Amino acid sequence: MTPDTTITRIAALPPELEALEALAASEGFNFMTRLLAEWRSFSQIDDDSATHAKPLTETAH
C-alpha cells in the first residue's frame, strides 16, 4: 500500500542552501548552482495558472 502523496508549493528556499551551494561549488559540483539559478528565474515569473491549479495527489488503490 502506498501512502498519499501531496505536493505543496513553497514560496522560498531555506537560506541554508546558499552555504550548501558554495560548498558544492568549491568542490567542483555545480548542480546546486544550477538549482538555485533555476529557482530564482522561475520565482520571478507570475504564473497565474499555477496559482489556480488543483493540488496533485496520489491515492492508494
PDB file of N, CA and C in Angstrom:
ATOM      1  N   MET A   1       0.848  -1.178   0.000  1.00  0.00           N
ATOM      2  CA  MET A   1       0.000   0.000   0.000  1.00  0.00           C
ATOM      3  C   MET A   1       0.896   1.245   0.000  1.00  0.00           C
ATOM      4  N   THR A   2       0.577   2.209  -0.850  1.00  0.00           N
ATOM      5  CA  THR A   2       1.335   3.450  -0.971  1.00  0.00           C
ATOM      6  C   THR A   2       0.642   4.555  -0.181  1.00  0.00           C
ATOM      7  N   PRO A   3       1.404   5.308   0.631  1.00  0.00           N
ATOM      8  CA  PRO A   3       0.779   6.429   1.355  1.00  0.00           C
ATOM      9  C   PRO A   3       0.406   7.546   0.382  1.00  0.00           C
ATOM     10  N   ASP A   4      -0.558   8.359   0.775  1.00  0.00           N
ATOM     11  CA  ASP A   4      -0.939   9.508  -0.047  1.00  0.00           C
ATOM     12  C   ASP A   4       0.243  10.444  -0.212  1.00  0.00           C
ATOM     13  N   THR A   5       0.340  11.045  -1.372  1.00  0.00           N
ATOM     14  CA  THR A   5       1.402  11.996  -1.669  1.00  0.00           C
ATOM     15  C   THR A   5       0.771  13.348  -1.940  1.00  0.00           C
ATOM     16  N   THR A   6       1.299  14.383  -1.308  1.00  0.00           N
ATOM     17  CA  THR A   6       0.811  15.733  -1.521  1.00  0.00           C
ATOM     18  C   THR A   6       1.966  16.606  -1.972  1.00  0.00           C
ATOM     19  N   ILE A   7       1.748  17.395  -3.001  1.00  0.00           N
ATOM     20  CA  ILE A   7       2.751  18.346  -3.473  1.00  0.00           C
ATOM     21  C   ILE A   7       2.324  19.718  -2.995  1.00  0.00           C
ATOM     22  N   THR A   8       3.227  20.402  -2.300  1.00  0.00           N
ATOM     23  CA  THR A   8       2.929  21.709  -1.733  1.00  0.00           C
ATOM     24  C   THR A   8       3.831  22.761  -2.372  1.00  0.00           C
ATOM     25  N   ARG A   9       3.235  23.830  -2.832  1.00  0.00           N
ATOM     26  CA  ARG A   9       4.004  24.935  -3.408  1.00  0.00           C
ATOM     27  C   ARG A   9       4.669  25.707  -2.282  1.00  0.00           C
ATOM     28  N   ILE A  10       5.960  25.999  -2.447  1.00  0.00           N
ATOM     29  CA  ILE A  10       6.683  26.763  -1.433  1.00  0.00           C
ATOM     30  C   ILE A  10       7.038  28.133  -1.992  1.00  0.00           C
ATOM     31  N   ALA A  11       7.180  29.108  -1.104  1.00  0.00           N
ATOM     32  CA  ALA A  11       7.460  30.477  -1.528  1.00  0.00           C
ATOM     33  C   ALA A  11       8.951  30.798  -1.545  1.00  0.00           C
ATOM     34  N   ALA A  12       9.734  30.078  -0.762  1.00  0.00           N
ATOM     35  CA  ALA A  12      11.164  30.380  -0.678  1.00  0.00           C
ATOM     36  C   ALA A  12      11.941  29.130  -0.313  1.00  0.00           C
ATOM     37  N   LEU A  13      13.180  29.103  -0.762  1.00  0.00           N
ATOM     38  CA  LEU A  13      14.071  28.015  -0.372  1.00  0.00           C
ATOM     39  C   LEU A  13      14.711  28.348   0.970  1.00  0.00           C
ATOM     40  N   PRO A  14      15.109  27.345   1.732  1.00  0.00           N
ATOM     41  CA  PRO A  14      15.765  27.611   3.012  1.00  0.00           C
ATOM     42  C   PRO A  14      17.086  28.357   2.795  1.00  0.00           C
ATOM     43  N   PRO A  15      17.408  29.316   3.649  1.00  0.00           N
ATOM     44  CA  PRO A  15      18.637  30.099   3.483  1.00  0.00           C
ATOM     45  C   PRO A  15      19.906  29.249   3.582  1.00  0.00           C
ATOM     46  N   GLU A  16      19.832  28.099   4.207  1.00  0.00           N
ATOM     47  CA  GLU A  16      21.000  27.224   4.342  1.00  0.00           C
ATOM     48  C   GLU A  16      21.488  26.697   2.990  1.00  0.00           C
ATOM     49  N   LEU A  17      20.633  26.750   1.986  1.00  0.00           N
ATOM     50  CA  LEU A  17      21.042  26.263   0.669  1.00  0.00           C
ATOM     51  C   LEU A  17      22.139  27.117   0.051  1.00  0.00           C
ATOM     52  N   GLU A  18      22.225  28.381   0.424  1.00  0.00           N
ATOM     53  CA  GLU A  18      23.299  29.247  -0.086  1.00  0.00           C
ATOM     54  C   GLU A  18      24.663  28.708   0.343  1.00  0.00           C
ATOM     55  N   ALA A  19      24.789  28.333   1.619  1.00  0.00           N
ATOM     56  CA  ALA A  19      26.051  27.782   2.126  1.00  0.00           C
ATOM     57  C   ALA A  19      26.344  26.431   1.480  1.00  0.00           C
ATOM     58  N   LEU A  20      25.323  25.615   1.312  1.00  0.00           N
ATOM     59  CA  LEU A  20      25.494  24.315   0.671  1.00  0.00           C
ATOM     60  C   LEU A  20      25.939  24.488  -0.778  1.00  0.00           C
ATOM     61  N   GLU A  21      25.367  25.458  -1.460  1.00  0.00           N
ATOM     62  CA  GLU A  21      25.755  25.733  -2.851  1.00  0.00           C
ATOM     63  C   GLU A  21      27.214  26.154  -2.925  1.00  0.00           C
ATOM     64  N   ALA A  22      27.648  27.019  -2.008  1.00  0.00           N
ATOM     65  CA  ALA A  22      29.043  27.472  -2.001  1.00  0.00           C
ATOM     66  C   ALA A  22      29.993  26.300  -1.759  1.00  0.00           C
ATOM     67  N   LEU A  23      29.642  25.433  -0.832  1.00  0.00           N
ATOM     68  CA  LEU A  23      30.478  24.267  -0.539  1.00  0.00           C
ATOM     69  C   LEU A  23      30.535  23.329  -1.743  1.00  0.00           C
ATOM     70  N   ALA A  24      29.397  23.064  -2.343  1.00  0.00           N
ATOM     71  CA  ALA A  24      29.364  22.183  -3.513  1.00  0.00           C
ATOM     72  C   ALA A  24      30.195  22.768  -4.654  1.00  0.00           C
ATOM     73  N   ALA A  25      30.062  24.068  -4.896  1.00  0.00           N
ATOM     74  CA  ALA A  25      30.817  24.719  -5.969  1.00  0.00           C
ATOM     75  C   ALA A  25      32.316  24.669  -5.693  1.00  0.00           C
ATOM     76  N   SER A  26      32.711  24.833  -4.437  1.00  0.00           N
ATOM     77  CA  SER A  26      34.140  24.798  -4.096  1.00  0.00           C
ATOM     78  C   SER A  26      34.743  23.415  -4.319  1.00  0.00           C
ATOM     79  N   GLU A  27      33.896  22.394  -4.341  1.00  0.00           N
ATOM     80  CA  GLU A  27      34.366  21.026  -4.574  1.00  0.00           C
ATOM     81  C   GLU A  27      34.138  20.576  -6.021  1.00  0.00           C
ATOM     82  N   GLY A  28      33.748  21.532  -6.871  1.00  0.00           N
ATOM     83  CA  GLY A  28      33.604  21.247  -8.287  1.00  0.00           C
ATOM     84  C   GLY A  28      32.238  20.751  -8.729  1.00  0.00           C
ATOM     85  N   PHE A  29      31.265  20.785  -7.841  1.00  0.00           N
ATOM     86  CA  PHE A  29      29.911  20.352  -8.187  1.00  0.00           C
ATOM     87  C   PHE A  29      29.055  21.589  -8.454  1.00  0.00           C
ATOM     88  N   ASN A  30      28.436  21.649  -9.624  1.00  0.00           N
ATOM     89  CA  ASN A  30      27.658  22.844  -9.953  1.00  0.00           C
ATOM     90  C   ASN A  30      26.154  22.597  -9.996  1.00  0.00           C
ATOM     91  N   PHE A  31      25.705  21.439  -9.555  1.00  0.00           N
ATOM     92  CA  PHE A  31      24.269  21.159  -9.596  1.00  0.00           C
ATOM     93  C   PHE A  31      23.483  22.076  -8.670  1.00  0.00           C
ATOM     94  N   MET A  32      24.059  22.443  -7.522  1.00  0.00           N
ATOM     95  CA  MET A  32      23.356  23.352  -6.605  1.00  0.00           C
ATOM     96  C   MET A  32      23.275  24.754  -7.206  1.00  0.00           C
ATOM     97  N   THR A  33      24.333  25.172  -7.892  1.00  0.00           N
ATOM     98  CA  THR A  33      24.331  26.476  -8.550  1.00  0.00           C
ATOM     99  C   THR A  33      23.217  26.519  -9.592  1.00  0.00           C
ATOM    100  N   ARG A  34      23.082  25.447 -10.381  1.00  0.00           N
ATOM    101  CA  ARG A  34      22.009  25.382 -11.386  1.00  0.00           C
ATOM    102  C   ARG A  34      20.640  25.374 -10.724  1.00  0.00           C
ATOM    103  N   LEU A  35      20.496  24.606  -9.649  1.00  0.00           N
ATOM    104  CA  LEU A  35      19.211  24.543  -8.947  1.00  0.00           C
ATOM    105  C   LEU A  35      18.786  25.921  -8.459  1.00  0.00           C
ATOM    106  N   LEU A  36      19.701  26.626  -7.792  1.00  0.00           N
ATOM    107  CA  LEU A  36      19.358  27.945  -7.257  1.00  0.00           C
ATOM    108  C   LEU A  36      19.099  28.949  -8.378  1.00  0.00           C
ATOM    109  N   ALA A  37      19.864  28.872  -9.463  1.00  0.00           N
ATOM    110  CA  ALA A  37      19.641  29.779 -10.596  1.00  0.00           C
ATOM    111  C   ALA A  37      18.267  29.528 -11.221  1.00  0.00           C
ATOM    112  N   GLU A  38      17.903  28.256 -11.377  1.00  0.00           N
ATOM    113  CA  GLU A  38      16.587  27.947 -11.931  1.00  0.00           C
ATOM    114  C   GLU A  38      15.479  28.397 -10.991  1.00  0.00           C
ATOM    115  N   TRP A  39      15.665  28.187  -9.698  1.00  0.00           N
ATOM    116  CA  TRP A  39      14.652  28.613  -8.722  1.00  0.00           C
ATOM    117  C   TRP A  39      14.445  30.125  -8.820  1.00  0.00           C
ATOM    118  N   ARG A  40      15.556  30.865  -8.864  1.00  0.00           N
ATOM    119  CA  ARG A  40      15.453  32.331  -8.920  1.00  0.00           C
ATOM    120  C   ARG A  40      14.757  32.785 -10.201  1.00  0.00           C
ATOM    121  N   SER A  41      15.069  32.152 -11.322  1.00  0.00           N
ATOM    122  CA  SER A  41      14.446  32.577 -12.578  1.00  0.00           C
ATOM    123  C   SER A  41      12.959  32.235 -12.596  1.00  0.00           C
ATOM    124  N   PHE A  42      12.574  31.082 -12.088  1.00  0.00           N
ATOM    125  CA  PHE A  42      11.159  30.710 -12.060  1.00  0.00           C
ATOM    126  C   PHE A  42      10.386  31.481 -11.005  1.00  0.00           C
ATOM    127  N   SER A  43      11.034  31.876  -9.930  1.00  0.00           N
ATOM    128  CA  SER A  43      10.316  32.605  -8.885  1.00  0.00           C
ATOM    129  C   SER A  43       9.960  34.018  -9.328  1.00  0.00           C
ATOM    130  N   GLN A  44      10.587  34.495 -10.404  1.00  0.00           N
ATOM    131  CA  GLN A  44      10.287  35.829 -10.927  1.00  0.00           C
ATOM    132  C   GLN A  44       9.089  35.815 -11.873  1.00  0.00           C
ATOM    133  N   ILE A  45       8.662  34.638 -12.281  1.00  0.00           N
ATOM    134  CA  ILE A  45       7.553  34.515 -13.234  1.00  0.00           C
ATOM    135  C   ILE A  45       6.227  34.575 -12.489  1.00  0.00           C
ATOM    136  N   ASP A  46       5.319  35.403 -12.971  1.00  0.00           N
ATOM    137  CA  ASP A  46       3.986  35.469 -12.387  1.00  0.00           C
ATOM    138  C   ASP A  46       3.146  34.409 -13.085  1.00  0.00           C
ATOM    139  N   ASP A  47       3.091  33.225 -12.503  1.00  0.00           N
ATOM    140  CA  ASP A  47       2.408  32.097 -13.125  1.00  0.00           C
ATOM    141  C   ASP A  47       1.013  31.948 -12.544  1.00  0.00           C
ATOM    142  N   ASP A  48       0.066  32.658 -13.122  1.00  0.00           N
ATOM    143  CA  ASP A  48      -1.308  32.640 -12.621  1.00  0.00           C
ATOM    144  C   ASP A  48      -1.927  31.250 -12.718  1.00  0.00           C
ATOM    145  N   SER A  49      -1.551  30.488 -13.729  1.00  0.00           N
ATOM    146  CA  SER A  49      -2.135  29.153 -13.878  1.00  0.00           C
ATOM    147  C   SER A  49      -1.701  28.234 -12.746  1.00  0.00           C
ATOM    148  N   ALA A  50      -0.480  28.382 -12.245  1.00  0.00           N
ATOM    149  CA  ALA A  50      -0.024  27.547 -11.127  1.00  0.00           C
ATOM    150  C   ALA A  50      -0.754  27.923  -9.847  1.00  0.00           C
ATOM    151  N   THR A  51      -1.086  29.189  -9.696  1.00  0.00           N
ATOM    152  CA  THR A  51      -1.789  29.640  -8.503  1.00  0.00           C
ATOM    153  C   THR A  51      -3.169  29.002  -8.411  1.00  0.00           C
ATOM    154  N   HIS A  52      -3.801  28.792  -9.548  1.00  0.00           N
ATOM    155  CA  HIS A  52      -5.163  28.272  -9.563  1.00  0.00           C
ATOM    156  C   HIS A  52      -5.245  26.783  -9.885  1.00  0.00           C
ATOM    157  N   ALA A  53      -4.089  26.127  -9.989  1.00  0.00           N
ATOM    158  CA  ALA A  53      -4.098  24.701 -10.306  1.00  0.00           C
ATOM    159  C   ALA A  53      -4.603  23.892  -9.121  1.00  0.00           C
ATOM    160  N   LYS A  54      -5.225  22.778  -9.427  1.00  0.00           N
ATOM    161  CA  LYS A  54      -5.691  21.885  -8.371  1.00  0.00           C
ATOM    162  C   LYS A  54      -4.487  21.166  -7.766  1.00  0.00           C
ATOM    163  N   PRO A  55      -4.509  20.884  -6.459  1.00  0.00           N
ATOM    164  CA  PRO A  55      -3.405  20.144  -5.845  1.00  0.00           C
ATOM    165  C   PRO A  55      -3.295  18.750  -6.453  1.00  0.00           C
ATOM    166  N   LEU A  56      -2.052  18.288  -6.633  1.00  0.00           N
ATOM    167  CA  LEU A  56      -1.828  16.949  -7.143  1.00  0.00           C
ATOM    168  C   LEU A  56      -1.768  15.985  -5.975  1.00  0.00           C
ATOM    169  N   THR A  57      -2.500  14.919  -6.058  1.00  0.00           N
ATOM    170  CA  THR A  57      -2.446  13.902  -5.013  1.00  0.00           C
ATOM    171  C   THR A  57      -2.429  12.533  -5.649  1.00  0.00           C
ATOM    172  N   GLU A  58      -1.799  11.624  -4.972  1.00  0.00           N
ATOM    173  CA  GLU A  58      -1.769  10.238  -5.419  1.00  0.00           C
ATOM    174  C   GLU A  58      -2.414   9.415  -4.323  1.00  0.00           C
ATOM    175  N   THR A  59      -3.379   8.614  -4.687  1.00  0.00           N
ATOM    176  CA  THR A  59      -4.054   7.811  -3.680  1.00  0.00           C
ATOM    177  C   THR A  59      -3.761   6.340  -3.898  1.00  0.00           C
ATOM    178  N   ALA A  60      -3.728   5.601  -2.815  1.00  0.00           N
ATOM    179  CA  ALA A  60      -3.502   4.158  -2.893  1.00  0.00           C
ATOM    180  C   ALA A  60      -4.760   3.471  -3.397  1.00  0.00           C
ATOM    181  N   HIS A  61      -4.586   2.429  -4.148  1.00  0.00           N
ATOM    182  CA  HIS A  61      -5.737   1.677  -4.675  1.00  0.00           C
ATOM    183  C   HIS A  61      -5.918   0.403  -3.907  1.00  0.00           C
TER     184      HIS A  61
END
